[in-house]
Amino acid sequence: MENDNNVSYQGSQNFTQADPNKSVMTMGEWVVTLIITMIPCVDIIMLLIWAFGNGNENRKNFSRAFLIVKAVAVVLFVILYLTIFASLIAAAGSYY
């Protein structure tokens, strides 16, 4: 009778390849990413591509967070400008 404890595990080694989309971004890649986000109009396009495209997970999460922060900032600026504009109109109306 054979001993079941001596099981051969031939071919059980996993040779998995690292997924490039899950690799850690280098400092140079982060510098390029930040420089691109400083360019007007290009930043929105690239953030949308990076956020919803098939790329590095680090850059994808950063882009999604950056877009959320930009959207909140735009809403706050619109509210601020409308408030200032409405107060200027009200102040100008009292002089006539």
PDB file of N, CA and C in Angstrom:
ATOM      1  N   MET A   1       0.847  -1.169   0.000  1.00  0.00           N
ATOM      2  CA  MET A   1       0.000   0.000   0.000  1.00  0.00           C
ATOM      3  C   MET A   1       0.894   1.233   0.000  1.00  0.00           C
ATOM      4  N   GLU A   2       0.521   2.181  -0.833  1.00  0.00           N
ATOM      5  CA  GLU A   2       1.332   3.385  -0.960  1.00  0.00           C
ATOM      6  C   GLU A   2       0.996   4.376   0.131  1.00  0.00           C
ATOM      7  N   ASN A   3       1.985   5.159   0.457  1.00  0.00           N
ATOM      8  CA  ASN A   3       1.803   6.194   1.459  1.00  0.00           C
ATOM      9  C   ASN A   3       1.231   7.439   0.778  1.00  0.00           C
ATOM     10  N   ASP A   4       0.052   7.901   1.200  1.00  0.00           N
ATOM     11  CA  ASP A   4      -0.607   9.045   0.574  1.00  0.00           C
ATOM     12  C   ASP A   4       0.048  10.372   0.944  1.00  0.00           C
ATOM     13  N   ASN A   5       0.933  10.365   1.919  1.00  0.00           N
ATOM     14  CA  ASN A   5       1.591  11.600   2.320  1.00  0.00           C
ATOM     15  C   ASN A   5       2.666  12.025   1.332  1.00  0.00           C
ATOM     16  N   ASN A   6       3.146  11.126   0.523  1.00  0.00           N
ATOM     17  CA  ASN A   6       4.190  11.426  -0.450  1.00  0.00           C
ATOM     18  C   ASN A   6       3.563  11.675  -1.825  1.00  0.00           C
ATOM     19  N   VAL A   7       2.798  12.727  -1.914  1.00  0.00           N
ATOM     20  CA  VAL A   7       2.126  13.055  -3.164  1.00  0.00           C
ATOM     21  C   VAL A   7       3.062  13.902  -4.001  1.00  0.00           C
ATOM     22  N   SER A   8       3.159  13.583  -5.252  1.00  0.00           N
ATOM     23  CA  SER A   8       4.022  14.335  -6.149  1.00  0.00           C
ATOM     24  C   SER A   8       3.297  15.587  -6.630  1.00  0.00           C
ATOM     25  N   TYR A   9       3.977  16.696  -6.546  1.00  0.00           N
ATOM     26  CA  TYR A   9       3.395  17.966  -6.965  1.00  0.00           C
ATOM     27  C   TYR A   9       4.072  18.472  -8.240  1.00  0.00           C
ATOM     28  N   GLN A  10       4.283  17.627  -9.166  1.00  0.00           N
ATOM     29  CA  GLN A  10       4.930  18.042 -10.405  1.00  0.00           C
ATOM     30  C   GLN A  10       3.996  18.962 -11.191  1.00  0.00           C
ATOM     31  N   GLY A  11       4.544  20.013 -11.674  1.00  0.00           N
ATOM     32  CA  GLY A  11       3.768  20.933 -12.493  1.00  0.00           C
ATOM     33  C   GLY A  11       2.844  21.837 -11.691  1.00  0.00           C
ATOM     34  N   SER A  12       2.989  21.864 -10.382  1.00  0.00           N
ATOM     35  CA  SER A  12       2.094  22.694  -9.583  1.00  0.00           C
ATOM     36  C   SER A  12       2.648  24.096  -9.360  1.00  0.00           C
ATOM     37  N   GLN A  13       3.833  24.357  -9.883  1.00  0.00           N
ATOM     38  CA  GLN A  13       4.401  25.682  -9.703  1.00  0.00           C
ATOM     39  C   GLN A  13       3.654  26.662 -10.588  1.00  0.00           C
ATOM     40  N   ASN A  14       3.280  27.791  -9.992  1.00  0.00           N
ATOM     41  CA  ASN A  14       2.571  28.828 -10.729  1.00  0.00           C
ATOM     42  C   ASN A  14       3.563  29.836 -11.266  1.00  0.00           C
ATOM     43  N   PHE A  15       3.577  29.985 -12.543  1.00  0.00           N
ATOM     44  CA  PHE A  15       4.395  31.003 -13.167  1.00  0.00           C
ATOM     45  C   PHE A  15       3.465  32.118 -13.632  1.00  0.00           C
ATOM     46  N   THR A  16       3.104  32.971 -12.687  1.00  0.00           N
ATOM     47  CA  THR A  16       2.194  34.058 -13.027  1.00  0.00           C
ATOM     48  C   THR A  16       2.998  35.280 -13.432  1.00  0.00           C
ATOM     49  N   GLN A  17       2.500  35.963 -14.416  1.00  0.00           N
ATOM     50  CA  GLN A  17       3.147  37.189 -14.846  1.00  0.00           C
ATOM     51  C   GLN A  17       2.500  38.353 -14.120  1.00  0.00           C
ATOM     52  N   ALA A  18       3.318  39.308 -13.743  1.00  0.00           N
ATOM     53  CA  ALA A  18       2.808  40.482 -13.039  1.00  0.00           C
ATOM     54  C   ALA A  18       1.973  41.320 -14.002  1.00  0.00           C
ATOM     55  N   ASP A  19       0.829  41.771 -13.527  1.00  0.00           N
ATOM     56  CA  ASP A  19      -0.055  42.609 -14.329  1.00  0.00           C
ATOM     57  C   ASP A  19       0.510  44.029 -14.358  1.00  0.00           C
ATOM     58  N   PRO A  20       0.829  44.566 -15.535  1.00  0.00           N
ATOM     59  CA  PRO A  20       1.413  45.915 -15.584  1.00  0.00           C
ATOM     60  C   PRO A  20       0.446  47.002 -15.103  1.00  0.00           C
ATOM     61  N   ASN A  21      -0.851  46.733 -15.141  1.00  0.00           N
ATOM     62  CA  ASN A  21      -1.827  47.715 -14.670  1.00  0.00           C
ATOM     63  C   ASN A  21      -1.868  47.805 -13.152  1.00  0.00           C
ATOM     64  N   LYS A  22      -1.309  46.838 -12.471  1.00  0.00           N
ATOM     65  CA  LYS A  22      -1.315  46.835 -11.014  1.00  0.00           C
ATOM     66  C   LYS A  22       0.052  47.176 -10.432  1.00  0.00           C
ATOM     67  N   SER A  23       1.026  47.445 -11.286  1.00  0.00           N
ATOM     68  CA  SER A  23       2.370  47.760 -10.797  1.00  0.00           C
ATOM     69  C   SER A  23       2.400  49.164 -10.206  1.00  0.00           C
ATOM     70  N   VAL A  24       3.351  49.388  -9.332  1.00  0.00           N
ATOM     71  CA  VAL A  24       3.505  50.678  -8.679  1.00  0.00           C
ATOM     72  C   VAL A  24       4.114  51.658  -9.684  1.00  0.00           C
ATOM     73  N   MET A  25       3.537  52.861  -9.741  1.00  0.00           N
ATOM     74  CA  MET A  25       4.063  53.870 -10.658  1.00  0.00           C
ATOM     75  C   MET A  25       5.364  54.440 -10.113  1.00  0.00           C
ATOM     76  N   THR A  26       6.293  54.713 -11.007  1.00  0.00           N
ATOM     77  CA  THR A  26       7.573  55.287 -10.597  1.00  0.00           C
ATOM     78  C   THR A  26       7.397  56.780 -10.340  1.00  0.00           C
ATOM     79  N   MET A  27       8.411  57.376  -9.726  1.00  0.00           N
ATOM     80  CA  MET A  27       8.355  58.802  -9.442  1.00  0.00           C
ATOM     81  C   MET A  27       8.287  59.603 -10.740  1.00  0.00           C
ATOM     82  N   GLY A  28       8.991  59.166 -11.765  1.00  0.00           N
ATOM     83  CA  GLY A  28       8.956  59.849 -13.055  1.00  0.00           C
ATOM     84  C   GLY A  28       7.563  59.836 -13.668  1.00  0.00           C
ATOM     85  N   GLU A  29       6.870  58.707 -13.552  1.00  0.00           N
ATOM     86  CA  GLU A  29       5.494  58.626 -14.069  1.00  0.00           C
ATOM     87  C   GLU A  29       4.571  59.569 -13.310  1.00  0.00           C
ATOM     88  N   TRP A  30       4.773  59.690 -11.984  1.00  0.00           N
ATOM     89  CA  TRP A  30       3.960  60.614 -11.199  1.00  0.00           C
ATOM     90  C   TRP A  30       4.247  62.054 -11.582  1.00  0.00           C
ATOM     91  N   VAL A  31       5.519  62.386 -11.828  1.00  0.00           N
ATOM     92  CA  VAL A  31       5.875  63.753 -12.220  1.00  0.00           C
ATOM     93  C   VAL A  31       5.207  64.105 -13.548  1.00  0.00           C
ATOM     94  N   VAL A  32       5.265  63.203 -14.513  1.00  0.00           N
ATOM     95  CA  VAL A  32       4.612  63.432 -15.803  1.00  0.00           C
ATOM     96  C   VAL A  32       3.102  63.586 -15.616  1.00  0.00           C
ATOM     97  N   THR A  33       2.507  62.754 -14.780  1.00  0.00           N
ATOM     98  CA  THR A  33       1.068  62.836 -14.517  1.00  0.00           C
ATOM     99  C   THR A  33       0.705  64.187 -13.927  1.00  0.00           C
ATOM    100  N   LEU A  34       1.470  64.656 -12.952  1.00  0.00           N
ATOM    101  CA  LEU A  34       1.181  65.945 -12.321  1.00  0.00           C
ATOM    102  C   LEU A  34       1.405  67.112 -13.273  1.00  0.00           C
ATOM    103  N   ILE A  35       2.421  67.036 -14.121  1.00  0.00           N
ATOM    104  CA  ILE A  35       2.655  68.099 -15.098  1.00  0.00           C
ATOM    105  C   ILE A  35       1.498  68.172 -16.095  1.00  0.00           C
ATOM    106  N   ILE A  36       1.016  67.019 -16.531  1.00  0.00           N
ATOM    107  CA  ILE A  36      -0.108  67.002 -17.478  1.00  0.00           C
ATOM    108  C   ILE A  36      -1.367  67.576 -16.839  1.00  0.00           C
ATOM    109  N   THR A  37      -1.560  67.345 -15.544  1.00  0.00           N
ATOM    110  CA  THR A  37      -2.756  67.888 -14.886  1.00  0.00           C
ATOM    111  C   THR A  37      -2.673  69.394 -14.693  1.00  0.00           C
ATOM    112  N   MET A  38      -1.516  70.006 -14.925  1.00  0.00           N
ATOM    113  CA  MET A  38      -1.380  71.459 -14.802  1.00  0.00           C
ATOM    114  C   MET A  38      -1.702  72.188 -16.106  1.00  0.00           C
ATOM    115  N   ILE A  39      -1.840  71.473 -17.204  1.00  0.00           N
ATOM    116  CA  ILE A  39      -2.103  72.091 -18.501  1.00  0.00           C
ATOM    117  C   ILE A  39      -3.616  72.232 -18.680  1.00  0.00           C
ATOM    118  N   PRO A  40      -4.102  73.469 -18.856  1.00  0.00           N
ATOM    119  CA  PRO A  40      -5.545  73.667 -19.012  1.00  0.00           C
ATOM    120  C   PRO A  40      -6.093  72.912 -20.226  1.00  0.00           C
ATOM    121  N   CYS A  41      -7.299  72.433 -20.118  1.00  0.00           N
ATOM    122  CA  CYS A  41      -8.034  71.680 -21.145  1.00  0.00           C
ATOM    123  C   CYS A  41      -7.458  70.284 -21.369  1.00  0.00           C
ATOM    124  N   VAL A  42      -6.146  70.174 -21.452  1.00  0.00           N
ATOM    125  CA  VAL A  42      -5.528  68.858 -21.635  1.00  0.00           C
ATOM    126  C   VAL A  42      -5.742  68.010 -20.392  1.00  0.00           C
ATOM    127  N   ASP A  43      -5.730  68.652 -19.226  1.00  0.00           N
ATOM    128  CA  ASP A  43      -5.864  67.902 -17.979  1.00  0.00           C
ATOM    129  C   ASP A  43      -7.209  67.180 -17.896  1.00  0.00           C
ATOM    130  N   ILE A  44      -8.287  67.835 -18.284  1.00  0.00           N
ATOM    131  CA  ILE A  44      -9.610  67.202 -18.209  1.00  0.00           C
ATOM    132  C   ILE A  44      -9.677  66.009 -19.149  1.00  0.00           C
ATOM    133  N   ILE A  45      -9.171  66.194 -20.358  1.00  0.00           N
ATOM    134  CA  ILE A  45      -9.204  65.102 -21.344  1.00  0.00           C
ATOM    135  C   ILE A  45      -8.389  63.914 -20.858  1.00  0.00           C
ATOM    136  N   MET A  46      -7.167  64.178 -20.381  1.00  0.00           N
ATOM    137  CA  MET A  46      -6.307  63.089 -19.926  1.00  0.00           C
ATOM    138  C   MET A  46      -6.856  62.434 -18.665  1.00  0.00           C
ATOM    139  N   LEU A  47      -7.426  63.228 -17.756  1.00  0.00           N
ATOM    140  CA  LEU A  47      -8.003  62.641 -16.548  1.00  0.00           C
ATOM    141  C   LEU A  47      -9.167  61.717 -16.899  1.00  0.00           C
ATOM    142  N   LEU A  48      -9.982  62.113 -17.868  1.00  0.00           N
ATOM    143  CA  LEU A  48     -11.085  61.243 -18.295  1.00  0.00           C
ATOM    144  C   LEU A  48     -10.563  59.963 -18.940  1.00  0.00           C
ATOM    145  N   ILE A  49      -9.531  60.093 -19.760  1.00  0.00           N
ATOM    146  CA  ILE A  49      -8.938  58.903 -20.395  1.00  0.00           C
ATOM    147  C   ILE A  49      -8.354  57.977 -19.338  1.00  0.00           C
ATOM    148  N   TRP A  50      -7.597  58.554 -18.402  1.00  0.00           N
ATOM    149  CA  TRP A  50      -6.973  57.729 -17.368  1.00  0.00           C
ATOM    150  C   TRP A  50      -8.002  57.145 -16.406  1.00  0.00           C
ATOM    151  N   ALA A  51      -9.045  57.895 -16.097  1.00  0.00           N
ATOM    152  CA  ALA A  51     -10.027  57.443 -15.111  1.00  0.00           C
ATOM    153  C   ALA A  51     -10.890  56.303 -15.642  1.00  0.00           C
ATOM    154  N   PHE A  52     -11.233  56.356 -16.924  1.00  0.00           N
ATOM    155  CA  PHE A  52     -12.169  55.366 -17.454  1.00  0.00           C
ATOM    156  C   PHE A  52     -11.552  54.459 -18.496  1.00  0.00           C
ATOM    157  N   GLY A  53     -10.266  54.612 -18.746  1.00  0.00           N
ATOM    158  CA  GLY A  53      -9.577  53.752 -19.702  1.00  0.00           C
ATOM    159  C   GLY A  53      -9.044  52.502 -19.042  1.00  0.00           C
ATOM    160  N   ASN A  54      -8.280  51.757 -19.797  1.00  0.00           N
ATOM    161  CA  ASN A  54      -7.707  50.509 -19.299  1.00  0.00           C
ATOM    162  C   ASN A  54      -6.216  50.756 -19.050  1.00  0.00           C
ATOM    163  N   GLY A  55      -5.894  51.334 -17.890  1.00  0.00           N
ATOM    164  CA  GLY A  55      -4.503  51.664 -17.589  1.00  0.00           C
ATOM    165  C   GLY A  55      -4.128  51.276 -16.183  1.00  0.00           C
ATOM    166  N   ASN A  56      -3.095  51.910 -15.701  1.00  0.00           N
ATOM    167  CA  ASN A  56      -2.571  51.635 -14.368  1.00  0.00           C
ATOM    168  C   ASN A  56      -3.612  51.970 -13.303  1.00  0.00           C
ATOM    169  N   GLU A  57      -3.786  51.064 -12.359  1.00  0.00           N
ATOM    170  CA  GLU A  57      -4.808  51.236 -11.305  1.00  0.00           C
ATOM    171  C   GLU A  57      -4.506  52.441 -10.416  1.00  0.00           C
ATOM    172  N   ASN A  58      -3.229  52.707 -10.155  1.00  0.00           N
ATOM    173  CA  ASN A  58      -2.867  53.868  -9.335  1.00  0.00           C
ATOM    174  C   ASN A  58      -3.305  55.157 -10.012  1.00  0.00           C
ATOM    175  N   ARG A  59      -2.980  55.287 -11.298  1.00  0.00           N
ATOM    176  CA  ARG A  59      -3.336  56.483 -12.048  1.00  0.00           C
ATOM    177  C   ARG A  59      -4.853  56.575 -12.221  1.00  0.00           C
ATOM    178  N   LYS A  60      -5.504  55.443 -12.378  1.00  0.00           N
ATOM    179  CA  LYS A  60      -6.964  55.427 -12.532  1.00  0.00           C
ATOM    180  C   LYS A  60      -7.648  55.959 -11.276  1.00  0.00           C
ATOM    181  N   ASN A  61      -7.233  55.495 -10.113  1.00  0.00           N
ATOM    182  CA  ASN A  61      -7.818  55.970  -8.855  1.00  0.00           C
ATOM    183  C   ASN A  61      -7.488  57.440  -8.606  1.00  0.00           C
ATOM    184  N   PHE A  62      -6.261  57.848  -8.907  1.00  0.00           N
ATOM    185  CA  PHE A  62      -5.880  59.251  -8.767  1.00  0.00           C
ATOM    186  C   PHE A  62      -6.738  60.135  -9.667  1.00  0.00           C
ATOM    187  N   SER A  63      -6.936  59.706 -10.904  1.00  0.00           N
ATOM    188  CA  SER A  63      -7.719  60.498 -11.856  1.00  0.00           C
ATOM    189  C   SER A  63      -9.168  60.628 -11.422  1.00  0.00           C
ATOM    190  N   ARG A  64      -9.737  59.550 -10.941  1.00  0.00           N
ATOM    191  CA  ARG A  64     -11.124  59.611 -10.466  1.00  0.00           C
ATOM    192  C   ARG A  64     -11.252  60.564  -9.274  1.00  0.00           C
ATOM    193  N   ALA A  65     -10.318  60.484  -8.346  1.00  0.00           N
ATOM    194  CA  ALA A  65     -10.354  61.374  -7.182  1.00  0.00           C
ATOM    195  C   ALA A  65     -10.144  62.824  -7.604  1.00  0.00           C
ATOM    196  N   PHE A  66      -9.226  63.054  -8.529  1.00  0.00           N
ATOM    197  CA  PHE A  66      -8.941  64.406  -9.004  1.00  0.00           C
ATOM    198  C   PHE A  66     -10.157  64.989  -9.706  1.00  0.00           C
ATOM    199  N   LEU A  67     -10.869  64.185 -10.494  1.00  0.00           N
ATOM    200  CA  LEU A  67     -12.076  64.657 -11.172  1.00  0.00           C
ATOM    201  C   LEU A  67     -13.173  65.015 -10.168  1.00  0.00           C
ATOM    202  N   ILE A  68     -13.300  64.236  -9.115  1.00  0.00           N
ATOM    203  CA  ILE A  68     -14.294  64.541  -8.086  1.00  0.00           C
ATOM    204  C   ILE A  68     -13.960  65.858  -7.403  1.00  0.00           C
ATOM    205  N   VAL A  69     -12.688  66.058  -7.052  1.00  0.00           N
ATOM    206  CA  VAL A  69     -12.269  67.302  -6.406  1.00  0.00           C
ATOM    207  C   VAL A  69     -12.487  68.492  -7.342  1.00  0.00           C
ATOM    208  N   LYS A  70     -12.166  68.336  -8.629  1.00  0.00           N
ATOM    209  CA  LYS A  70     -12.392  69.414  -9.597  1.00  0.00           C
ATOM    210  C   LYS A  70     -13.874  69.741  -9.720  1.00  0.00           C
ATOM    211  N   ALA A  71     -14.731  68.729  -9.743  1.00  0.00           N
ATOM    212  CA  ALA A  71     -16.173  68.962  -9.854  1.00  0.00           C
ATOM    213  C   ALA A  71     -16.698  69.717  -8.635  1.00  0.00           C
ATOM    214  N   VAL A  72     -16.253  69.330  -7.460  1.00  0.00           N
ATOM    215  CA  VAL A  72     -16.676  70.032  -6.232  1.00  0.00           C
ATOM    216  C   VAL A  72     -16.180  71.478  -6.267  1.00  0.00           C
ATOM    217  N   ALA A  73     -14.952  71.694  -6.711  1.00  0.00           N
ATOM    218  CA  ALA A  73     -14.406  73.056  -6.790  1.00  0.00           C
ATOM    219  C   ALA A  73     -15.194  73.905  -7.777  1.00  0.00           C
ATOM    220  N   VAL A  74     -15.565  73.344  -8.910  1.00  0.00           N
ATOM    221  CA  VAL A  74     -16.351  74.097  -9.898  1.00  0.00           C
ATOM    222  C   VAL A  74     -17.702  74.481  -9.320  1.00  0.00           C
ATOM    223  N   VAL A  75     -18.361  73.560  -8.641  1.00  0.00           N
ATOM    224  CA  VAL A  75     -19.661  73.865  -8.032  1.00  0.00           C
ATOM    225  C   VAL A  75     -19.517  74.966  -6.984  1.00  0.00           C
ATOM    226  N   LEU A  76     -18.492  74.899  -6.157  1.00  0.00           N
ATOM    227  CA  LEU A  76     -18.283  75.932  -5.140  1.00  0.00           C
ATOM    228  C   LEU A  76     -17.984  77.290  -5.764  1.00  0.00           C
ATOM    229  N   PHE A  77     -17.178  77.313  -6.829  1.00  0.00           N
ATOM    230  CA  PHE A  77     -16.888  78.578  -7.498  1.00  0.00           C
ATOM    231  C   PHE A  77     -18.127  79.173  -8.148  1.00  0.00           C
ATOM    232  N   VAL A  78     -18.951  78.332  -8.750  1.00  0.00           N
ATOM    233  CA  VAL A  78     -20.189  78.834  -9.362  1.00  0.00           C
ATOM    234  C   VAL A  78     -21.084  79.441  -8.291  1.00  0.00           C
ATOM    235  N   ILE A  79     -21.226  78.780  -7.168  1.00  0.00           N
ATOM    236  CA  ILE A  79     -22.045  79.317  -6.071  1.00  0.00           C
ATOM    237  C   ILE A  79     -21.454  80.639  -5.576  1.00  0.00           C
ATOM    238  N   LEU A  80     -20.137  80.697  -5.421  1.00  0.00           N
ATOM    239  CA  LEU A  80     -19.481  81.922  -4.957  1.00  0.00           C
ATOM    240  C   LEU A  80     -19.699  83.065  -5.942  1.00  0.00           C
ATOM    241  N   TYR A  81     -19.471  82.816  -7.215  1.00  0.00           N
ATOM    242  CA  TYR A  81     -19.627  83.868  -8.214  1.00  0.00           C
ATOM    243  C   TYR A  81     -21.076  84.318  -8.341  1.00  0.00           C
ATOM    244  N   LEU A  82     -22.019  83.397  -8.278  1.00  0.00           N
ATOM    245  CA  LEU A  82     -23.430  83.781  -8.337  1.00  0.00           C
ATOM    246  C   LEU A  82     -23.819  84.631  -7.130  1.00  0.00           C
ATOM    247  N   THR A  83     -23.289  84.291  -5.982  1.00  0.00           N
ATOM    248  CA  THR A  83     -23.580  85.068  -4.774  1.00  0.00           C
ATOM    249  C   THR A  83     -23.013  86.482  -4.893  1.00  0.00           C
ATOM    250  N   ILE A  84     -21.778  86.588  -5.349  1.00  0.00           N
ATOM    251  CA  ILE A  84     -21.164  87.901  -5.518  1.00  0.00           C
ATOM    252  C   ILE A  84     -21.906  88.703  -6.587  1.00  0.00           C
ATOM    253  N   PHE A  85     -22.227  88.066  -7.711  1.00  0.00           N
ATOM    254  CA  PHE A  85     -22.947  88.750  -8.785  1.00  0.00           C
ATOM    255  C   PHE A  85     -24.319  89.225  -8.315  1.00  0.00           C
ATOM    256  N   ALA A  86     -25.033  88.391  -7.572  1.00  0.00           N
ATOM    257  CA  ALA A  86     -26.359  88.776  -7.073  1.00  0.00           C
ATOM    258  C   ALA A  86     -26.249  89.935  -6.091  1.00  0.00           C
ATOM    259  N   SER A  87     -25.230  89.942  -5.248  1.00  0.00           N
ATOM    260  CA  SER A  87     -25.075  91.050  -4.300  1.00  0.00           C
ATOM    261  C   SER A  87     -24.692  92.341  -5.012  1.00  0.00           C
ATOM    262  N   LEU A  88     -23.897  92.258  -6.084  1.00  0.00           N
ATOM    263  CA  LEU A  88     -23.561  93.452  -6.875  1.00  0.00           C
ATOM    264  C   LEU A  88     -24.789  94.008  -7.590  1.00  0.00           C
ATOM    265  N   ILE A  89     -25.614  93.136  -8.129  1.00  0.00           N
ATOM    266  CA  ILE A  89     -26.849  93.568  -8.793  1.00  0.00           C
ATOM    267  C   ILE A  89     -27.779  94.236  -7.785  1.00  0.00           C
ATOM    268  N   ALA A  90     -27.891  93.650  -6.606  1.00  0.00           N
ATOM    269  CA  ALA A  90     -28.755  94.219  -5.571  1.00  0.00           C
ATOM    270  C   ALA A  90     -28.234  95.569  -5.109  1.00  0.00           C
ATOM    271  N   ALA A  91     -26.911  95.680  -4.983  1.00  0.00           N
ATOM    272  CA  ALA A  91     -26.320  96.957  -4.556  1.00  0.00           C
ATOM    273  C   ALA A  91     -26.474  98.021  -5.642  1.00  0.00           C
ATOM    274  N   ALA A  92     -26.324  97.620  -6.899  1.00  0.00           N
ATOM    275  CA  ALA A  92     -26.468  98.572  -7.995  1.00  0.00           C
ATOM    276  C   ALA A  92     -27.920  99.003  -8.151  1.00  0.00           C
ATOM    277  N   GLY A  93     -28.841  98.126  -7.877  1.00  0.00           N
ATOM    278  CA  GLY A  93     -30.268  98.458  -7.992  1.00  0.00           C
ATOM    279  C   GLY A  93     -30.716  99.464  -6.961  1.00  0.00           C
ATOM    280  N   SER A  94     -30.053  99.537  -5.852  1.00  0.00           N
ATOM    281  CA  SER A  94     -30.465 100.474  -4.799  1.00  0.00           C
ATOM    282  C   SER A  94     -30.041 101.905  -5.105  1.00  0.00           C
ATOM    283  N   TYR A  95     -29.103 102.080  -6.041  1.00  0.00           N
ATOM    284  CA  TYR A  95     -28.657 103.424  -6.401  1.00  0.00           C
ATOM    285  C   TYR A  95     -29.555 104.089  -7.437  1.00  0.00           C
ATOM    286  N   TYR A  96     -30.401 103.370  -8.088  1.00  0.00           N
ATOM    287  CA  TYR A  96     -31.268 103.960  -9.114  1.00  0.00           C
ATOM    288  C   TYR A  96     -32.595 104.314  -8.585  1.00  0.00           C
TER     289      TYR A  96
END
